[in-house]
Amino acid sequence: MSNKINISIIVRANENNSQEAFDKAVNRFKKAVAKDGILREYKDRRHYIKPSAIRHQKAQELKRKKKD
């Protein structure tokens, strides 16, 4: 069973369909996606990681941070 996510995006130009208006819309979209953490969550969910492996990674991070 695969976990696929379909996303549809509708972009509308507000300023006479100029290229600048499109660039502003794209930048606005990128900021919104980054703020919501959508790409980070997508990358995290690409592969299943066992809970024990997650605990091991967190323990390793704590050891690394304590060294510094």
Protein backbone atom coordinates (compact mmCIF):
# COMPACT_ATOMS: atom_id res chain seq x y z
CA MET A 1 0.00 0.00 0.00
CA SER A 2 1.53 3.31 -1.04
CA ASN A 3 0.91 6.65 0.61
CA LYS A 4 0.61 9.08 -2.25
CA ILE A 5 -0.35 12.69 -1.78
CA ASN A 6 -1.94 14.60 -4.61
CA ILE A 7 -1.75 18.37 -4.40
CA SER A 8 -3.42 20.74 -6.80
CA ILE A 9 -2.54 24.42 -6.90
CA ILE A 10 -4.50 27.19 -8.52
CA VAL A 11 -2.61 30.41 -9.24
CA ARG A 12 -4.34 33.53 -10.40
CA ALA A 13 -2.63 36.71 -11.53
CA ASN A 14 -3.82 39.96 -10.01
CA GLU A 15 -1.71 42.47 -11.91
CA ASN A 16 -2.48 42.20 -15.63
CA ASN A 17 -0.75 38.80 -16.00
CA SER A 18 2.73 40.33 -15.81
CA GLN A 19 5.77 38.19 -15.12
CA GLU A 20 6.45 40.11 -11.93
CA ALA A 21 3.03 39.21 -10.56
CA PHE A 22 3.69 35.53 -11.25
CA ASP A 23 7.07 35.71 -9.51
CA LYS A 24 5.45 37.32 -6.48
CA ALA A 25 2.80 34.59 -6.40
CA VAL A 26 5.46 31.86 -6.59
CA ASN A 27 7.48 33.48 -3.81
CA ARG A 28 4.35 33.81 -1.67
CA PHE A 29 3.61 30.12 -2.24
CA LYS A 30 7.16 29.08 -1.36
CA LYS A 31 7.05 31.06 1.88
CA ALA A 32 3.68 29.56 2.82
CA VAL A 33 4.92 26.01 2.15
CA ALA A 34 8.12 26.60 4.12
CA LYS A 35 6.21 28.12 7.03
CA ASP A 36 3.78 25.20 7.23
CA GLY A 37 6.61 22.64 7.01
CA ILE A 38 4.94 20.71 4.20
CA LEU A 39 8.16 19.78 2.38
CA ARG A 40 9.91 18.74 5.60
CA GLU A 41 7.01 16.46 6.48
CA TYR A 42 6.95 15.02 2.96
CA LYS A 43 10.65 14.21 3.10
CA ASP A 44 10.30 12.69 6.57
CA ARG A 45 7.46 10.41 5.46
CA ARG A 46 9.08 9.13 2.27
CA HIS A 47 10.48 6.11 4.07
CA TYR A 48 9.27 4.30 7.16
CA ILE A 49 11.64 4.50 10.09
CA LYS A 50 11.17 2.13 12.99
CA PRO A 51 10.47 3.78 16.35
CA SER A 52 13.60 2.18 17.82
CA ALA A 53 15.69 3.73 15.04
CA ILE A 54 14.17 7.15 15.78
CA ARG A 55 15.07 6.78 19.47
CA HIS A 56 18.60 5.75 18.50
CA GLN A 57 18.98 8.82 16.24
CA LYS A 58 17.76 11.13 19.00
CA ALA A 59 20.20 9.58 21.48
CA GLN A 60 23.06 10.07 19.02
CA GLU A 61 22.08 13.71 18.50
CA LEU A 62 22.07 14.32 22.25
CA LYS A 63 25.55 12.76 22.57
CA ARG A 64 26.83 14.96 19.74
CA LYS A 65 25.35 18.09 21.32
CA LYS A 66 26.83 17.25 24.73
CA LYS A 67 30.32 16.94 23.20
CA ASP A 68 30.21 20.53 21.94
